[in-house]
C-alpha atoms as a PDB file:
ATOM      1  CA  PHE A   1     -67.164 -60.751  -2.481  1.00  0.00           C
ATOM      2  CA  PHE A   2     -69.019 -58.402  -4.747  1.00  0.00           C
ATOM      3  CA  ARG A   3     -71.404 -60.198  -7.068  1.00  0.00           C
ATOM      4  CA  SER A   4     -72.223 -58.430 -10.309  1.00  0.00           C
ATOM      5  CA  ALA A   5     -75.449 -58.810 -12.197  1.00  0.00           C
ATOM      6  CA  TYR A   6     -74.510 -61.085 -15.081  1.00  0.00           C
ATOM      7  CA  THR A   7     -76.710 -61.162 -18.141  1.00  0.00           C
ATOM      8  CA  PRO A   8     -75.911 -63.554 -20.954  1.00  0.00           C
ATOM      9  CA  CYS A   9     -75.668 -62.046 -24.418  1.00  0.00           C
ATOM     10  CA  THR A  10     -78.930 -63.680 -25.530  1.00  0.00           C
ATOM     11  CA  ALA A  11     -80.876 -62.044 -22.702  1.00  0.00           C
ATOM     12  CA  SER A  12     -79.605 -58.559 -23.539  1.00  0.00           C
ATOM     13  CA  GLY A  13     -80.888 -58.782 -27.103  1.00  0.00           C
ATOM     14  CA  ASN A  14     -77.522 -59.442 -28.752  1.00  0.00           C
ATOM     15  CA  MET A  15     -77.656 -62.941 -30.222  1.00  0.00           C
ATOM     16  CA  GLY A  16     -73.905 -63.508 -29.950  1.00  0.00           C
ATOM     17  CA  LYS A  17     -71.475 -65.338 -32.155  1.00  0.00           C
ATOM     18  CA  THR A  18     -73.303 -68.674 -32.092  1.00  0.00           C
ATOM     19  CA  GLN A  19     -75.996 -67.268 -34.380  1.00  0.00           C
ATOM     20  CA  ASP A  20     -73.602 -66.423 -37.212  1.00  0.00           C
ATOM     21  CA  VAL A  21     -73.461 -68.441 -40.413  1.00  0.00           C
ATOM     22  CA  VAL A  22     -69.899 -69.770 -40.475  1.00  0.00           C
ATOM     23  CA  THR A  23     -67.728 -72.485 -42.061  1.00  0.00           C
ATOM     24  CA  ARG A  24     -64.694 -74.079 -40.417  1.00  0.00           C
ATOM     25  CA  GLU A  25     -62.383 -77.046 -41.035  1.00  0.00           C
ATOM     26  CA  TYR A  26     -61.444 -79.588 -38.400  1.00  0.00           C
ATOM     27  CA  THR A  27     -59.501 -82.841 -38.136  1.00  0.00           C
ATOM     28  CA  ILE A  28     -61.452 -85.403 -36.126  1.00  0.00           C
ATOM     29  CA  ASN A  29     -59.595 -88.287 -34.498  1.00  0.00           C
ATOM     30  CA  LEU A  30     -61.942 -91.215 -35.101  1.00  0.00           C
ATOM     31  CA  ALA A  31     -59.538 -93.702 -33.533  1.00  0.00           C
ATOM     32  CA  LYS A  32     -60.365 -92.281 -30.104  1.00  0.00           C
ATOM     33  CA  ALA A  33     -64.080 -92.707 -30.752  1.00  0.00           C
ATOM     34  CA  VAL A  34     -63.906 -96.364 -31.803  1.00  0.00           C
ATOM     35  CA  HIS A  35     -61.055 -97.586 -29.585  1.00  0.00           C
ATOM     36  CA  GLY A  36     -61.881-100.914 -27.959  1.00  0.00           C
ATOM     37  CA  LEU A  37     -65.249-101.131 -29.693  1.00  0.00           C
ATOM     38  CA  THR A  38     -66.834-104.240 -31.199  1.00  0.00           C
ATOM     39  CA  PHE A  39     -65.953-104.524 -34.885  1.00  0.00           C
ATOM     40  CA  LYS A  40     -69.517-104.407 -36.148  1.00  0.00           C
ATOM     41  CA  LYS A  41     -70.227-101.140 -34.308  1.00  0.00           C
ATOM     42  CA  ARG A  42     -67.157 -99.147 -35.359  1.00  0.00           C
ATOM     43  CA  ALA A  43     -68.333 -97.289 -38.495  1.00  0.00           C
ATOM     44  CA  PRO A  44     -71.771 -96.384 -37.076  1.00  0.00           C
ATOM     45  CA  ARG A  45     -70.111 -95.115 -33.881  1.00  0.00           C
ATOM     46  CA  ALA A  46     -67.663 -93.055 -35.971  1.00  0.00           C
ATOM     47  CA  VAL A  47     -70.603 -91.334 -37.709  1.00  0.00           C
ATOM     48  CA  GLN A  48     -72.149 -90.664 -34.292  1.00  0.00           C
ATOM     49  CA  ALA A  49     -68.824 -89.215 -33.097  1.00  0.00           C
ATOM     50  CA  VAL A  50     -68.702 -86.819 -36.067  1.00  0.00           C
ATOM     51  CA  LYS A  51     -72.256 -85.669 -35.323  1.00  0.00           C
ATOM     52  CA  LYS A  52     -71.490 -85.217 -31.626  1.00  0.00           C
ATOM     53  CA  PHE A  53     -68.333 -83.226 -32.436  1.00  0.00           C
ATOM     54  CA  ALA A  54     -70.266 -80.955 -34.813  1.00  0.00           C
ATOM     55  CA  GLN A  55     -72.947 -80.388 -32.166  1.00  0.00           C
ATOM     56  CA  LYS A  56     -70.294 -79.408 -29.636  1.00  0.00           C
ATOM     57  CA  VAL A  57     -68.267 -76.990 -31.779  1.00  0.00           C
ATOM     58  CA  MET A  58     -71.166 -75.374 -33.685  1.00  0.00           C
ATOM     59  CA  LYS A  59     -73.702 -75.410 -30.823  1.00  0.00           C
ATOM     60  CA  THR A  60     -76.551 -76.751 -32.986  1.00  0.00           C
ATOM     61  CA  SER A  61     -78.553 -79.856 -32.220  1.00  0.00           C
ATOM     62  CA  ASP A  62     -79.493 -80.401 -35.882  1.00  0.00           C
ATOM     63  CA  VAL A  63     -76.456 -81.927 -37.643  1.00  0.00           C
ATOM     64  CA  ARG A  64     -76.578 -83.258 -41.196  1.00  0.00           C
ATOM     65  CA  VAL A  65     -73.855 -85.504 -42.595  1.00  0.00           C
ATOM     66  CA  ASP A  66     -72.946 -85.327 -46.281  1.00  0.00           C
ATOM     67  CA  VAL A  67     -73.134 -88.508 -48.358  1.00  0.00           C
ATOM     68  CA  LYS A  68     -69.436 -88.182 -49.310  1.00  0.00           C
ATOM     69  CA  LEU A  69     -68.425 -87.997 -45.649  1.00  0.00           C
ATOM     70  CA  ASN A  70     -70.481 -91.087 -44.860  1.00  0.00           C
ATOM     71  CA  LYS A  71     -68.832 -92.933 -47.764  1.00  0.00           C
ATOM     72  CA  ALA A  72     -65.374 -91.780 -46.595  1.00  0.00           C
ATOM     73  CA  ILE A  73     -65.995 -93.160 -43.101  1.00  0.00           C
ATOM     74  CA  TRP A  74     -67.338 -96.438 -44.501  1.00  0.00           C
ATOM     75  CA  SER A  75     -64.677 -96.640 -47.288  1.00  0.00           C
ATOM     76  CA  LYS A  76     -62.632 -99.334 -45.548  1.00  0.00           C
ATOM     77  CA  GLY A  77     -65.635-101.249 -44.281  1.00  0.00           C
ATOM     78  CA  ILE A  78     -67.482-101.429 -40.995  1.00  0.00           C
ATOM     79  CA  ARG A  79     -64.422-102.590 -39.040  1.00  0.00           C
ATOM     80  CA  ASN A  80     -61.518-100.517 -40.381  1.00  0.00           C
ATOM     81  CA  VAL A  81     -62.538 -96.899 -39.842  1.00  0.00           C
ATOM     82  CA  PRO A  82     -59.963 -94.258 -40.913  1.00  0.00           C
ATOM     83  CA  ARG A  83     -57.912 -93.064 -37.930  1.00  0.00           C
ATOM     84  CA  LYS A  84     -58.408 -89.375 -38.707  1.00  0.00           C
ATOM     85  CA  ILE A  85     -60.674 -87.513 -41.080  1.00  0.00           C
ATOM     86  CA  ARG A  86     -60.598 -83.894 -42.220  1.00  0.00           C
ATOM     87  CA  VAL A  87     -64.057 -82.297 -42.233  1.00  0.00           C
ATOM     88  CA  GLN A  88     -65.631 -78.967 -43.073  1.00  0.00           C
ATOM     89  CA  ILE A  89     -68.504 -77.945 -40.798  1.00  0.00           C
ATOM     90  CA  SER A  90     -70.871 -75.211 -41.970  1.00  0.00           C
ATOM     91  CA  ARG A  91     -73.473 -73.576 -39.770  1.00  0.00           C
ATOM     92  CA  LYS A  92     -76.375 -72.620 -42.050  1.00  0.00           C
ATOM     93  CA  ARG A  93     -79.786 -71.019 -41.776  1.00  0.00           C
ATOM     94  CA  ASN A  94     -82.737 -73.399 -41.708  1.00  0.00           C
ATOM     95  CA  ASP A  95     -85.219 -72.418 -44.441  1.00  0.00           C
ATOM     96  CA  ASP A  96     -87.861 -74.901 -43.311  1.00  0.00           C
ATOM     97  CA  GLU A  97     -90.833 -73.214 -41.600  1.00  0.00           C
ATOM     98  CA  ASP A  98     -91.563 -76.273 -39.437  1.00  0.00           C
ATOM     99  CA  ALA A  99     -88.020 -76.444 -38.025  1.00  0.00           C
ATOM    100  CA  THR A 100     -87.565 -76.056 -34.289  1.00  0.00           C
ATOM    101  CA  GLU A 101     -84.127 -74.454 -34.689  1.00  0.00           C
ATOM    102  CA  ASP A 102     -83.188 -71.619 -37.012  1.00  0.00           C
ATOM    103  CA  LEU A 103     -79.673 -73.008 -37.656  1.00  0.00           C
ATOM    104  CA  TYR A 104     -78.265 -76.402 -38.603  1.00  0.00           C
ATOM    105  CA  SER A 105     -74.769 -77.809 -39.140  1.00  0.00           C
ATOM    106  CA  TYR A 106     -73.732 -79.460 -42.399  1.00  0.00           C
ATOM    107  CA  VAL A 107     -70.643 -81.668 -42.252  1.00  0.00           C
ATOM    108  CA  THR A 108     -68.687 -82.556 -45.409  1.00  0.00           C
ATOM    109  CA  VAL A 109     -65.362 -84.258 -46.018  1.00  0.00           C
ATOM    110  CA  VAL A 110     -62.397 -82.163 -47.144  1.00  0.00           C
ATOM    111  CA  ASP A 111     -60.492 -83.604 -50.079  1.00  0.00           C
ATOM    112  CA  GLY A 112     -56.814 -84.266 -49.456  1.00  0.00           C
ATOM    113  CA  PRO A 113     -54.117 -81.844 -50.560  1.00  0.00           C
ATOM    114  CA  THR A 114     -53.374 -81.845 -54.263  1.00  0.00           C
ATOM    115  CA  ASP A 115     -50.024 -83.195 -55.406  1.00  0.00           C
ATOM    116  CA  GLU A 116     -49.278 -80.210 -57.635  1.00  0.00           C
ATOM    117  CA  GLY A 117     -46.592 -78.945 -55.268  1.00  0.00           C
ATOM    118  CA  THR A 118     -44.737 -82.285 -55.337  1.00  0.00           C
ATOM    119  CA  LYS A 119     -45.226 -83.064 -59.001  1.00  0.00           C
ATOM    120  CA  VAL A 120     -42.067 -84.448 -60.687  1.00  0.00           C
ATOM    121  CA  VAL A 121     -41.348 -82.969 -64.095  1.00  0.00           C
ATOM    122  CA  ASP A 122     -38.913 -84.763 -66.422  1.00  0.00           C
ATOM    123  CA  ASP A 123     -36.651 -82.300 -68.185  1.00  0.00           C
ATOM    124  CA  VAL A 124     -35.611 -83.925 -71.449  1.00  0.00           C
END
C-alpha cells in the first residue's frame, strides 16, 4: 500500500480547532459514573467525572468547576447524586503568565427551562 506523509495540523503551523475559544452545552449522565459506588464516595466521584468529561471533550487538562455546579451536584447530599446534570463548558484563554497551558475549561451548570411556555393563565 502507498503510505502518504501525514502531518498533523499542529506541525504544519495551523493550530486547528482545539485552540479556539468555544462554549458548548452537554448533558452528563452522573448515574453511570457513580453506579455501584460506596455511598460516601458518590458526590466526590461525580465531580471527578464532570472534570474528566470536560477534559475529554474540550481537550484541556486544566478544568475549573463553578461553585454553582459543585452545589448542584452536592444538593441532595453525598449519597444521592442527581442522575443527570446539564452543563455548559467554555474553553477560555489563560491570562496567567505562569500557566503551563494557554487554554482552560470552565464548567458551569445550566439552569432548567423556564416555565413561561407552560404557564396557566386564568381568564376571568
